[in-house]
Protein backbone atom coordinates (compact mmCIF):
# COMPACT_ATOMS: atom_id res chain seq x y z
CA UNK A 1 0.00 0.00 0.00
CA UNK A 2 2.86 2.39 0.73
CA UNK A 3 4.19 1.78 -2.79
CA UNK A 4 1.04 3.34 -4.22
CA UNK A 5 1.74 6.53 -2.28
CA UNK A 6 4.89 6.94 -4.39
CA UNK A 7 3.77 5.39 -7.68
CA UNK A 8 0.51 7.31 -8.19
CA UNK A 9 2.10 10.81 -8.01
CA UNK A 10 4.96 9.65 -10.24
CA UNK A 11 2.50 8.31 -12.82
CA UNK A 12 0.44 11.51 -12.69
CA UNK A 13 3.59 13.60 -13.07
CA UNK A 14 4.76 11.59 -16.07
CA UNK A 15 1.32 11.95 -17.68
CA UNK A 16 1.41 15.71 -17.10
CA UNK A 17 4.89 15.91 -18.64
CA UNK A 18 3.68 14.01 -21.69
CA UNK A 19 0.69 16.32 -22.03
CA UNK A 20 2.91 19.39 -21.74
CA UNK A 21 5.28 17.98 -24.37
CA UNK A 22 2.33 17.42 -26.70
CA UNK A 23 1.06 20.97 -26.24
CA UNK A 24 4.59 22.32 -26.80
CA UNK A 25 4.79 20.36 -30.07
CA UNK A 26 1.43 21.76 -31.15
CA UNK A 27 2.48 25.36 -30.42
CA UNK A 28 5.86 25.02 -32.13
CA UNK A 29 4.26 23.85 -35.38
CA UNK A 30 5.30 20.20 -35.44
CA UNK A 31 1.96 19.10 -36.87
CA UNK A 32 1.33 21.94 -39.34
CA UNK A 33 2.23 20.20 -42.62
CA UNK A 34 1.23 16.55 -42.32
CA UNK A 35 0.57 16.11 -46.08
CA UNK A 36 3.89 17.62 -47.11
CA UNK A 37 5.89 15.08 -45.14
CA UNK A 38 3.88 12.23 -46.65
CA UNK A 39 4.30 13.52 -50.21
CA UNK A 40 8.02 14.24 -49.77
CA UNK A 41 8.72 10.50 -49.75
CA UNK A 42 7.23 10.12 -53.23
CA UNK A 43 9.30 12.90 -54.86
CA UNK A 44 12.29 11.52 -56.75
CA UNK A 45 15.06 14.07 -56.35
CA UNK A 46 18.02 14.07 -58.71
CA UNK A 47 21.34 13.73 -56.90
CA UNK A 48 23.90 16.42 -57.66
CA UNK A 49 26.89 14.04 -57.80
CA UNK A 50 27.40 14.58 -61.58
CA UNK A 51 30.13 17.23 -61.16
C-alpha atoms as a PDB file:
ATOM      1  CA  UNK A   1       0.000   0.000   0.000  1.00  0.00           C
ATOM      2  CA  UNK A   2       2.865   2.391   0.726  1.00  0.00           C
ATOM      3  CA  UNK A   3       4.187   1.783  -2.794  1.00  0.00           C
ATOM      4  CA  UNK A   4       1.036   3.344  -4.220  1.00  0.00           C
ATOM      5  CA  UNK A   5       1.737   6.528  -2.277  1.00  0.00           C
ATOM      6  CA  UNK A   6       4.890   6.936  -4.385  1.00  0.00           C
ATOM      7  CA  UNK A   7       3.772   5.392  -7.679  1.00  0.00           C
ATOM      8  CA  UNK A   8       0.515   7.309  -8.188  1.00  0.00           C
ATOM      9  CA  UNK A   9       2.099  10.806  -8.008  1.00  0.00           C
ATOM     10  CA  UNK A  10       4.962   9.651 -10.236  1.00  0.00           C
ATOM     11  CA  UNK A  11       2.497   8.310 -12.822  1.00  0.00           C
ATOM     12  CA  UNK A  12       0.443  11.513 -12.694  1.00  0.00           C
ATOM     13  CA  UNK A  13       3.587  13.603 -13.066  1.00  0.00           C
ATOM     14  CA  UNK A  14       4.759  11.588 -16.071  1.00  0.00           C
ATOM     15  CA  UNK A  15       1.321  11.955 -17.676  1.00  0.00           C
ATOM     16  CA  UNK A  16       1.406  15.710 -17.098  1.00  0.00           C
ATOM     17  CA  UNK A  17       4.887  15.912 -18.640  1.00  0.00           C
ATOM     18  CA  UNK A  18       3.678  14.007 -21.690  1.00  0.00           C
ATOM     19  CA  UNK A  19       0.691  16.322 -22.031  1.00  0.00           C
ATOM     20  CA  UNK A  20       2.914  19.386 -21.740  1.00  0.00           C
ATOM     21  CA  UNK A  21       5.280  17.980 -24.372  1.00  0.00           C
ATOM     22  CA  UNK A  22       2.330  17.422 -26.697  1.00  0.00           C
ATOM     23  CA  UNK A  23       1.058  20.975 -26.237  1.00  0.00           C
ATOM     24  CA  UNK A  24       4.587  22.319 -26.798  1.00  0.00           C
ATOM     25  CA  UNK A  25       4.789  20.362 -30.065  1.00  0.00           C
ATOM     26  CA  UNK A  26       1.434  21.760 -31.149  1.00  0.00           C
ATOM     27  CA  UNK A  27       2.478  25.364 -30.415  1.00  0.00           C
ATOM     28  CA  UNK A  28       5.863  25.020 -32.132  1.00  0.00           C
ATOM     29  CA  UNK A  29       4.261  23.845 -35.379  1.00  0.00           C
ATOM     30  CA  UNK A  30       5.304  20.200 -35.435  1.00  0.00           C
ATOM     31  CA  UNK A  31       1.956  19.105 -36.869  1.00  0.00           C
ATOM     32  CA  UNK A  32       1.330  21.940 -39.343  1.00  0.00           C
ATOM     33  CA  UNK A  33       2.235  20.202 -42.624  1.00  0.00           C
ATOM     34  CA  UNK A  34       1.232  16.554 -42.324  1.00  0.00           C
ATOM     35  CA  UNK A  35       0.572  16.110 -46.080  1.00  0.00           C
ATOM     36  CA  UNK A  36       3.892  17.620 -47.112  1.00  0.00           C
ATOM     37  CA  UNK A  37       5.889  15.076 -45.141  1.00  0.00           C
ATOM     38  CA  UNK A  38       3.883  12.226 -46.648  1.00  0.00           C
ATOM     39  CA  UNK A  39       4.304  13.517 -50.208  1.00  0.00           C
ATOM     40  CA  UNK A  40       8.022  14.243 -49.772  1.00  0.00           C
ATOM     41  CA  UNK A  41       8.715  10.498 -49.749  1.00  0.00           C
ATOM     42  CA  UNK A  42       7.233  10.125 -53.227  1.00  0.00           C
ATOM     43  CA  UNK A  43       9.299  12.898 -54.859  1.00  0.00           C
ATOM     44  CA  UNK A  44      12.287  11.524 -56.748  1.00  0.00           C
ATOM     45  CA  UNK A  45      15.060  14.068 -56.349  1.00  0.00           C
ATOM     46  CA  UNK A  46      18.022  14.071 -58.710  1.00  0.00           C
ATOM     47  CA  UNK A  47      21.338  13.730 -56.899  1.00  0.00           C
ATOM     48  CA  UNK A  48      23.904  16.422 -57.660  1.00  0.00           C
ATOM     49  CA  UNK A  49      26.894  14.039 -57.804  1.00  0.00           C
ATOM     50  CA  UNK A  50      27.403  14.581 -61.582  1.00  0.00           C
ATOM     51  CA  UNK A  51      30.129  17.234 -61.160  1.00  0.00           C
END
